[in-house]
Amino acid sequence: MTACVIDSSAILTFVFGEAGSDAVSDWLDRGAAASTVILQEVATKLRQRGFTPEDAAETIDVLGLTVADHTLPLALVAADLYAGTRALGLSHGDRSCLALAQAMGLPAVTADKAWSEVGEVVEVAVEQVR
């Protein structure tokens, strides 16, 4: 069962054992989905930190995420979120996560403080892990 859609900041919080990693662990145990855009962001950050391509792929794989393709319909929803979120500085990946959460009717889990006001704008429950 999938309980949430998780963004890259939350995943990286867990991987690097930062503050909030226990909350992320709880969400992962309950079942989390992530878009391929989010996983690209995670893999990029892991590679920047010195992970090999194989280690980055294995790290992502062991999280047990439900992987959702960033389809054209999701891309269009994410694009529509730009107007309401641009002042908050959200990335393409952030909007991809929110679009997927909206489509799945699930909360979005993040460690990004900029998301504190996003839920009302995009009609998605936002769960902060720290």
N, C-alpha and C. Protein backbone atom coordinates (compact mmCIF):
# COMPACT_ATOMS: atom_id res chain seq x y z
N MET A 1 0.84 -1.18 0.00
CA MET A 1 0.00 0.00 0.00
C MET A 1 0.88 1.24 0.00
N THR A 2 0.44 2.25 -0.69
CA THR A 2 1.19 3.50 -0.76
C THR A 2 0.49 4.54 0.11
N ALA A 3 1.24 5.12 1.03
CA ALA A 3 0.69 6.07 1.98
C ALA A 3 1.02 7.52 1.66
N CYS A 4 2.03 7.74 0.82
CA CYS A 4 2.45 9.11 0.53
C CYS A 4 3.24 9.16 -0.77
N VAL A 5 3.48 10.38 -1.20
CA VAL A 5 4.41 10.66 -2.28
C VAL A 5 5.55 11.43 -1.64
N ILE A 6 6.77 11.00 -1.89
CA ILE A 6 7.92 11.56 -1.19
C ILE A 6 8.81 12.35 -2.15
N ASP A 7 9.34 13.46 -1.67
CA ASP A 7 10.19 14.28 -2.53
C ASP A 7 11.66 14.00 -2.24
N SER A 8 12.51 14.59 -3.06
CA SER A 8 13.95 14.31 -2.98
C SER A 8 14.55 14.77 -1.65
N SER A 9 14.10 15.90 -1.10
CA SER A 9 14.67 16.38 0.15
C SER A 9 14.43 15.38 1.28
N ALA A 10 13.27 14.77 1.32
CA ALA A 10 12.97 13.78 2.35
C ALA A 10 13.81 12.51 2.14
N ILE A 11 13.92 12.07 0.90
CA ILE A 11 14.73 10.88 0.61
C ILE A 11 16.18 11.12 1.03
N LEU A 12 16.73 12.27 0.67
CA LEU A 12 18.12 12.57 1.01
C LEU A 12 18.31 12.73 2.51
N THR A 13 17.31 13.26 3.19
CA THR A 13 17.35 13.34 4.65
C THR A 13 17.53 11.95 5.25
N PHE A 14 16.80 10.99 4.72
CA PHE A 14 16.89 9.61 5.19
C PHE A 14 18.25 8.99 4.84
N VAL A 15 18.65 9.11 3.60
CA VAL A 15 19.88 8.48 3.14
C VAL A 15 21.09 8.99 3.93
N PHE A 16 21.11 10.28 4.23
CA PHE A 16 22.26 10.86 4.91
C PHE A 16 22.09 10.96 6.43
N GLY A 17 21.00 10.39 6.95
CA GLY A 17 20.80 10.33 8.39
C GLY A 17 20.66 11.69 9.05
N GLU A 18 20.05 12.63 8.36
CA GLU A 18 19.88 13.98 8.89
C GLU A 18 18.67 14.06 9.80
N ALA A 19 18.54 15.21 10.47
CA ALA A 19 17.37 15.44 11.32
C ALA A 19 16.11 15.22 10.50
N GLY A 20 15.19 14.45 11.05
CA GLY A 20 13.96 14.10 10.35
C GLY A 20 13.99 12.74 9.68
N SER A 21 15.15 12.09 9.72
CA SER A 21 15.26 10.79 9.04
C SER A 21 14.37 9.72 9.66
N ASP A 22 14.11 9.82 10.97
CA ASP A 22 13.20 8.85 11.60
C ASP A 22 11.78 8.98 11.05
N ALA A 23 11.34 10.23 10.86
CA ALA A 23 10.01 10.46 10.29
C ALA A 23 9.94 9.93 8.86
N VAL A 24 11.00 10.13 8.10
CA VAL A 24 11.04 9.61 6.72
C VAL A 24 10.99 8.09 6.75
N SER A 25 11.73 7.49 7.66
CA SER A 25 11.73 6.03 7.79
C SER A 25 10.32 5.51 8.04
N ASP A 26 9.57 6.19 8.89
CA ASP A 26 8.18 5.79 9.16
C ASP A 26 7.34 5.84 7.89
N TRP A 27 7.49 6.90 7.10
CA TRP A 27 6.74 7.01 5.85
C TRP A 27 7.15 5.91 4.87
N LEU A 28 8.46 5.65 4.77
CA LEU A 28 8.92 4.60 3.87
C LEU A 28 8.36 3.25 4.28
N ASP A 29 8.30 2.99 5.58
CA ASP A 29 7.74 1.73 6.07
C ASP A 29 6.26 1.60 5.72
N ARG A 30 5.55 2.70 5.68
CA ARG A 30 4.12 2.69 5.35
C ARG A 30 3.88 2.57 3.85
N GLY A 31 4.88 2.92 3.05
CA GLY A 31 4.78 2.85 1.60
C GLY A 31 4.82 4.21 0.97
N ALA A 32 5.80 4.46 0.14
CA ALA A 32 5.98 5.76 -0.49
C ALA A 32 6.17 5.60 -1.98
N ALA A 33 5.64 6.58 -2.70
CA ALA A 33 5.82 6.64 -4.15
C ALA A 33 6.68 7.86 -4.46
N ALA A 34 7.39 7.79 -5.58
CA ALA A 34 8.18 8.92 -6.06
C ALA A 34 8.17 8.90 -7.58
N SER A 35 8.15 10.08 -8.15
CA SER A 35 8.20 10.17 -9.62
C SER A 35 9.63 9.96 -10.10
N THR A 36 9.75 9.62 -11.36
CA THR A 36 11.07 9.44 -11.94
C THR A 36 11.87 10.75 -11.92
N VAL A 37 11.20 11.88 -11.94
CA VAL A 37 11.89 13.17 -11.85
C VAL A 37 12.56 13.29 -10.47
N ILE A 38 11.86 12.92 -9.43
CA ILE A 38 12.41 12.95 -8.07
C ILE A 38 13.61 12.02 -7.97
N LEU A 39 13.50 10.85 -8.54
CA LEU A 39 14.60 9.89 -8.46
C LEU A 39 15.81 10.37 -9.25
N GLN A 40 15.58 11.12 -10.32
CA GLN A 40 16.69 11.73 -11.04
C GLN A 40 17.41 12.74 -10.14
N GLU A 41 16.63 13.55 -9.41
CA GLU A 41 17.24 14.52 -8.49
C GLU A 41 18.04 13.80 -7.42
N VAL A 42 17.50 12.73 -6.86
CA VAL A 42 18.19 11.98 -5.82
C VAL A 42 19.48 11.39 -6.37
N ALA A 43 19.40 10.74 -7.52
CA ALA A 43 20.59 10.14 -8.12
C ALA A 43 21.67 11.19 -8.40
N THR A 44 21.26 12.36 -8.85
CA THR A 44 22.21 13.44 -9.12
C THR A 44 22.92 13.85 -7.84
N LYS A 45 22.16 14.05 -6.75
CA LYS A 45 22.76 14.45 -5.47
C LYS A 45 23.70 13.36 -4.94
N LEU A 46 23.30 12.09 -5.11
CA LEU A 46 24.17 11.01 -4.67
C LEU A 46 25.47 10.99 -5.45
N ARG A 47 25.37 11.18 -6.75
CA ARG A 47 26.57 11.22 -7.60
C ARG A 47 27.46 12.41 -7.21
N GLN A 48 26.86 13.55 -6.89
CA GLN A 48 27.64 14.71 -6.46
C GLN A 48 28.38 14.43 -5.16
N ARG A 49 27.84 13.54 -4.35
CA ARG A 49 28.47 13.19 -3.07
C ARG A 49 29.44 12.02 -3.21
N GLY A 50 29.72 11.60 -4.44
CA GLY A 50 30.74 10.58 -4.66
C GLY A 50 30.24 9.17 -4.84
N PHE A 51 28.92 8.96 -4.86
CA PHE A 51 28.39 7.62 -5.10
C PHE A 51 28.68 7.22 -6.54
N THR A 52 29.00 5.94 -6.75
CA THR A 52 29.12 5.44 -8.11
C THR A 52 27.71 5.31 -8.69
N PRO A 53 27.59 5.19 -10.00
CA PRO A 53 26.26 4.98 -10.57
C PRO A 53 25.57 3.74 -9.99
N GLU A 54 26.33 2.69 -9.77
CA GLU A 54 25.76 1.45 -9.22
C GLU A 54 25.31 1.65 -7.77
N ASP A 55 26.13 2.35 -6.98
CA ASP A 55 25.76 2.60 -5.58
C ASP A 55 24.53 3.50 -5.48
N ALA A 56 24.45 4.49 -6.36
CA ALA A 56 23.28 5.37 -6.37
C ALA A 56 22.02 4.57 -6.71
N ALA A 57 22.12 3.72 -7.73
CA ALA A 57 20.96 2.89 -8.13
C ALA A 57 20.57 1.94 -7.01
N GLU A 58 21.53 1.32 -6.34
CA GLU A 58 21.24 0.40 -5.25
C GLU A 58 20.61 1.13 -4.06
N THR A 59 21.12 2.32 -3.76
CA THR A 59 20.58 3.10 -2.65
C THR A 59 19.12 3.43 -2.90
N ILE A 60 18.81 3.82 -4.12
CA ILE A 60 17.41 4.13 -4.46
C ILE A 60 16.56 2.87 -4.42
N ASP A 61 17.11 1.79 -4.94
CA ASP A 61 16.35 0.54 -5.02
C ASP A 61 15.96 0.02 -3.63
N VAL A 62 16.87 0.09 -2.66
CA VAL A 62 16.58 -0.48 -1.34
C VAL A 62 15.54 0.34 -0.56
N LEU A 63 15.21 1.52 -1.05
CA LEU A 63 14.17 2.32 -0.38
C LEU A 63 12.80 1.69 -0.54
N GLY A 64 12.64 0.84 -1.56
CA GLY A 64 11.36 0.15 -1.76
C GLY A 64 10.24 1.05 -2.24
N LEU A 65 10.58 2.07 -2.97
CA LEU A 65 9.59 3.03 -3.45
C LEU A 65 8.75 2.47 -4.60
N THR A 66 7.52 2.93 -4.68
CA THR A 66 6.72 2.73 -5.87
C THR A 66 7.14 3.83 -6.84
N VAL A 67 7.65 3.44 -7.99
CA VAL A 67 8.17 4.43 -8.95
C VAL A 67 7.08 4.76 -9.95
N ALA A 68 6.80 6.05 -10.07
CA ALA A 68 5.77 6.52 -11.00
C ALA A 68 6.43 7.29 -12.13
N ASP A 69 6.13 6.90 -13.34
CA ASP A 69 6.64 7.64 -14.49
C ASP A 69 6.06 9.04 -14.51
N HIS A 70 6.88 9.99 -14.92
CA HIS A 70 6.41 11.37 -15.07
C HIS A 70 5.81 11.49 -16.47
N THR A 71 4.55 11.14 -16.57
CA THR A 71 3.85 11.08 -17.84
C THR A 71 3.50 12.48 -18.34
N LEU A 72 3.05 12.57 -19.56
CA LEU A 72 2.62 13.85 -20.11
C LEU A 72 1.50 14.47 -19.29
N PRO A 73 0.45 13.71 -18.92
CA PRO A 73 -0.58 14.33 -18.08
C PRO A 73 -0.03 14.89 -16.76
N LEU A 74 0.87 14.16 -16.11
CA LEU A 74 1.48 14.68 -14.87
C LEU A 74 2.34 15.90 -15.15
N ALA A 75 3.05 15.88 -16.25
CA ALA A 75 3.88 17.03 -16.62
C ALA A 75 3.02 18.28 -16.81
N LEU A 76 1.85 18.11 -17.41
CA LEU A 76 0.97 19.25 -17.64
C LEU A 76 0.38 19.77 -16.32
N VAL A 77 0.05 18.86 -15.41
CA VAL A 77 -0.44 19.29 -14.09
C VAL A 77 0.67 20.02 -13.35
N ALA A 78 1.88 19.46 -13.38
CA ALA A 78 3.02 20.11 -12.72
C ALA A 78 3.26 21.50 -13.30
N ALA A 79 3.15 21.64 -14.60
CA ALA A 79 3.32 22.94 -15.24
C ALA A 79 2.26 23.93 -14.76
N ASP A 80 1.04 23.44 -14.60
CA ASP A 80 -0.04 24.30 -14.11
C ASP A 80 0.19 24.77 -12.67
N LEU A 81 0.97 24.03 -11.91
CA LEU A 81 1.26 24.41 -10.53
C LEU A 81 2.26 25.56 -10.44
N TYR A 82 2.93 25.86 -11.53
CA TYR A 82 3.96 26.90 -11.51
C TYR A 82 3.43 28.25 -11.03
N ALA A 83 2.32 28.68 -11.57
CA ALA A 83 1.79 30.02 -11.24
C ALA A 83 1.55 30.18 -9.74
N GLY A 84 1.02 29.16 -9.10
CA GLY A 84 0.71 29.25 -7.68
C GLY A 84 1.89 29.01 -6.75
N THR A 85 2.98 28.47 -7.31
CA THR A 85 4.12 28.12 -6.46
C THR A 85 5.40 28.86 -6.79
N ARG A 86 5.41 29.66 -7.82
CA ARG A 86 6.66 30.28 -8.25
C ARG A 86 7.28 31.17 -7.18
N ALA A 87 6.45 31.86 -6.39
CA ALA A 87 6.98 32.74 -5.34
C ALA A 87 7.68 31.94 -4.24
N LEU A 88 7.40 30.66 -4.16
CA LEU A 88 8.00 29.81 -3.13
C LEU A 88 9.31 29.18 -3.60
N GLY A 89 9.65 29.36 -4.86
CA GLY A 89 10.90 28.86 -5.39
C GLY A 89 10.94 27.36 -5.62
N LEU A 90 9.80 26.75 -5.88
CA LEU A 90 9.77 25.31 -6.10
C LEU A 90 10.42 24.93 -7.43
N SER A 91 11.07 23.78 -7.43
CA SER A 91 11.74 23.27 -8.62
C SER A 91 10.76 22.46 -9.48
N HIS A 92 11.24 22.05 -10.66
CA HIS A 92 10.44 21.16 -11.50
C HIS A 92 10.14 19.87 -10.74
N GLY A 93 11.13 19.36 -10.03
CA GLY A 93 10.95 18.14 -9.26
C GLY A 93 9.91 18.30 -8.16
N ASP A 94 9.95 19.45 -7.48
CA ASP A 94 8.95 19.73 -6.45
C ASP A 94 7.55 19.68 -7.03
N ARG A 95 7.37 20.32 -8.16
CA ARG A 95 6.05 20.34 -8.78
C ARG A 95 5.66 18.96 -9.32
N SER A 96 6.64 18.18 -9.74
CA SER A 96 6.38 16.81 -10.16
C SER A 96 5.86 16.00 -8.98
N CYS A 97 6.49 16.16 -7.83
CA CYS A 97 6.05 15.46 -6.62
C CYS A 97 4.64 15.86 -6.25
N LEU A 98 4.37 17.15 -6.25
CA LEU A 98 3.04 17.65 -5.89
C LEU A 98 1.97 17.19 -6.87
N ALA A 99 2.30 17.18 -8.15
CA ALA A 99 1.34 16.73 -9.17
C ALA A 99 1.01 15.25 -8.96
N LEU A 100 2.02 14.46 -8.65
CA LEU A 100 1.79 13.04 -8.41
C LEU A 100 0.95 12.84 -7.14
N ALA A 101 1.27 13.59 -6.08
CA ALA A 101 0.49 13.49 -4.85
C ALA A 101 -0.97 13.86 -5.10
N GLN A 102 -1.17 14.91 -5.88
CA GLN A 102 -2.52 15.34 -6.22
C GLN A 102 -3.25 14.24 -7.00
N ALA A 103 -2.58 13.67 -7.98
CA ALA A 103 -3.19 12.63 -8.82
C ALA A 103 -3.52 11.37 -8.01
N MET A 104 -2.67 11.04 -7.03
CA MET A 104 -2.87 9.83 -6.23
C MET A 104 -3.74 10.08 -5.00
N GLY A 105 -4.03 11.36 -4.73
CA GLY A 105 -4.83 11.69 -3.55
C GLY A 105 -4.11 11.38 -2.25
N LEU A 106 -2.79 11.56 -2.25
CA LEU A 106 -1.96 11.24 -1.09
C LEU A 106 -1.22 12.47 -0.60
N PRO A 107 -0.76 12.44 0.65
CA PRO A 107 0.05 13.56 1.13
C PRO A 107 1.43 13.54 0.48
N ALA A 108 2.02 14.72 0.38
CA ALA A 108 3.39 14.86 -0.10
C ALA A 108 4.29 15.03 1.12
N VAL A 109 5.36 14.24 1.18
CA VAL A 109 6.29 14.27 2.31
C VAL A 109 7.57 14.97 1.87
N THR A 110 8.00 15.94 2.67
CA THR A 110 9.16 16.75 2.32
C THR A 110 9.94 17.16 3.54
N ALA A 111 11.19 17.54 3.32
CA ALA A 111 12.02 18.16 4.36
C ALA A 111 12.25 19.62 4.00
N ASP A 112 11.64 20.07 2.93
CA ASP A 112 11.83 21.44 2.42
C ASP A 112 10.88 22.40 3.11
N LYS A 113 11.43 23.33 3.87
CA LYS A 113 10.62 24.31 4.62
C LYS A 113 9.79 25.21 3.70
N ALA A 114 10.25 25.41 2.47
CA ALA A 114 9.53 26.27 1.53
C ALA A 114 8.14 25.72 1.22
N TRP A 115 7.92 24.45 1.51
CA TRP A 115 6.63 23.82 1.21
C TRP A 115 5.58 24.09 2.28
N SER A 116 5.91 24.81 3.33
CA SER A 116 4.97 24.98 4.44
C SER A 116 3.66 25.62 4.01
N GLU A 117 3.66 26.42 2.96
CA GLU A 117 2.45 27.08 2.49
C GLU A 117 1.89 26.46 1.21
N VAL A 118 2.57 25.48 0.69
CA VAL A 118 2.21 24.91 -0.61
C VAL A 118 0.89 24.15 -0.59
N GLY A 119 0.64 23.41 0.48
CA GLY A 119 -0.54 22.55 0.53
C GLY A 119 -1.83 23.27 0.24
N GLU A 120 -1.98 24.46 0.77
CA GLU A 120 -3.20 25.23 0.53
C GLU A 120 -3.32 25.67 -0.92
N VAL A 121 -2.18 25.99 -1.53
CA VAL A 121 -2.17 26.48 -2.91
C VAL A 121 -2.52 25.37 -3.89
N VAL A 122 -2.00 24.17 -3.67
CA VAL A 122 -2.18 23.08 -4.62
C VAL A 122 -3.16 22.01 -4.16
N GLU A 123 -3.78 22.23 -3.01
CA GLU A 123 -4.77 21.29 -2.47
C GLU A 123 -4.19 19.89 -2.28
N VAL A 124 -3.00 19.85 -1.67
CA VAL A 124 -2.34 18.60 -1.32
C VAL A 124 -1.91 18.73 0.13
N ALA A 125 -2.14 17.69 0.91
CA ALA A 125 -1.64 17.69 2.29
C ALA A 125 -0.12 17.57 2.24
N VAL A 126 0.56 18.45 2.92
CA VAL A 126 2.03 18.43 2.96
C VAL A 126 2.47 18.03 4.36
N GLU A 127 3.29 17.01 4.44
CA GLU A 127 3.83 16.52 5.70
C GLU A 127 5.31 16.87 5.77
N GLN A 128 5.67 17.70 6.72
CA GLN A 128 7.06 18.08 6.94
C GLN A 128 7.71 17.03 7.85
N VAL A 129 8.93 16.62 7.55
CA VAL A 129 9.62 15.63 8.39
C VAL A 129 10.54 16.28 9.41
N ARG A 130 10.72 17.58 9.31
CA ARG A 130 11.50 18.30 10.33
C ARG A 130 11.03 19.72 10.46
